[in-house]
Amino acid sequence: MKRVLLAAALTSALSVLTAAPAYAQPTSPEESAAAVSRPGIVLITVEWHGWVRDKRTGEVFGGKDGYTVKSSCSGAVISPDGHVATASHCVHTGPEGGAGALFGVAIKELADTGRIGDPAEARRQLAEHAVAEGAVADRPVDRDIRVERMEATADGPVRDVAPATVVDLVAPTDGDVAVLKVPREHLPSLEIRSDQAPVGTPILAIGYPGSAGAAEDPNLEPSSKNGQISARRTRGDRPFYEFSAAATNGMSGGPVVDMQGRVVGLVSQKSPGETQSFNFAAASSTLLDLLAGKQVDVDLGKHDRAYLAGLDHYFAGDLDDAVDEFDDALAGSPGHLQATEYRRLAVDRGGQPGGAPVLIIVLAVLCAGVAVGAGTAGTAVALTRRRRLAAAGPPLSDMDTPPLGFPMPPVVPMPPVVPGDPPPVGDPPQSGPERDTDKIQRREADVGDQGHQAERDPESESRA
């Protein structure tokens, strides 16, 4: 009986556990990786201004005002104090960067006037014999780098645009990595993976495709392309990863992350002659070497760890704990857009700040169910025992215990009835002449008078 009731209590309590919905289980590892990575993704825009001069002839292209070209890339925040990683060809002033952008404008102008017939050959000639320069001859072209990201405010998401400077870079023909710095603090940032990612590692390439018009997109939502590490390559002595995720030019410099959201590389230039689905990423080891050379220490902030903990709780269905962790993340990084979004989702699904986790509630219900089951089993056992004793005959003791738990008074045996004595009160009527009610009442009256007389005698003696 105990086992049956205990099993019923356990089943009832466990039904609470199974009924608690897994509110937000990620549909795939890629969803979880994107949730971890998105806060640190930024759009990098560069405005180039300068002239193109043919060193062989001295001719300068660009007229009086020069050329102005805008380009865009992607990047990742790698420290809360404003360090941003990207591909160096996005910000380099040479032919693979800004100079190449100006060459492109000059070639289009020459083609429109009929001065060239083969744009590819003209570009090769300019790269070999021309130079892009600023307002002063032999000076690099002017560049204006901006880093854009979305921030949460009381009035809704707004675009934060910050000027950036180049801390250091590895040339595009070498390692294609650059580190920028923006005047911001407490930014959401991404962790850099320090070990080598094996071939076959699932990855996401994240960034802003140039064809998607990210610069005009008011929401500034990055794209995530899934794939895997296809091979490890080396250019010179620099390691690169070949990966299968599709990536366009606008995604250059964006992070390639593993399923834990850690940066394993930065999207680099596409390998010549390969299809669009085969791309290369500069390995994270090159980025870490560059940072070490500049003595830049990068690590996640306290708000980043709170955000990650909030995601773990959210995807596990621990919505109250998720709200608390997201609140901690927002306390350290008030503009954290994704922490704001996931906190809202957790609250919409029933999460409350400072509330008891679902597991604790279920355990409490489970313990209560066990206690109730044990108490019910005890009561059932006691009742069963009493029935068995009643069926076996009179109790062995003159004390008995009713169901309410209070002892009954001891059973006192009745004295034998002597003929001629009055029967005890409450006895059944006696047979024979004693059944005459009048005689019984008169006898009781006589006995009462004798008792009263006995009580008065001491008083009479006392008065005498």
Foldseek 3Di string as FASTA:
>chain_A
DLVVLLVVLLVVLVVLVVPQDLQAADPDLVVLLCLLAVLFKKKKKKKWFWWKAFQVVRDIPQPPRTDIDMDIAMWGFQAQQFKIKFFVLDPDLACSHVFVRSQVVRLVVCVVVVNDDDSVVSSVSSNVGMHTADPDPPHGIDMWMWIWDWFQDPVGIAIDIFTKDWPDHDDLLAQRMTMIGTRGGLGAGAAADQDADDFFFKKWQKFAAPVVPLVPDGNSGIDIWIWTFHDWDHRPNFIKTKIQTFDHPRHGTTFIAGSNNHGQFGWGDADPPDDRRITMTGGSNVVVVVCVVSVHDGDGDPLSVLQSVLSVCSSSSQLQSNLQSLVVSCVSVVGSPSSVVSNVVSVVVPHDHPDDGSVVVSVVSSVVSSVVSNVVVVLVVVVVVVVVVVVVDDDPDQWDADSVGDIDDGDDDDDDDDPPDQDDPPDPQDDDPSNPPVVNVVVVVVVVVVVVVVVCVVVVVVVD
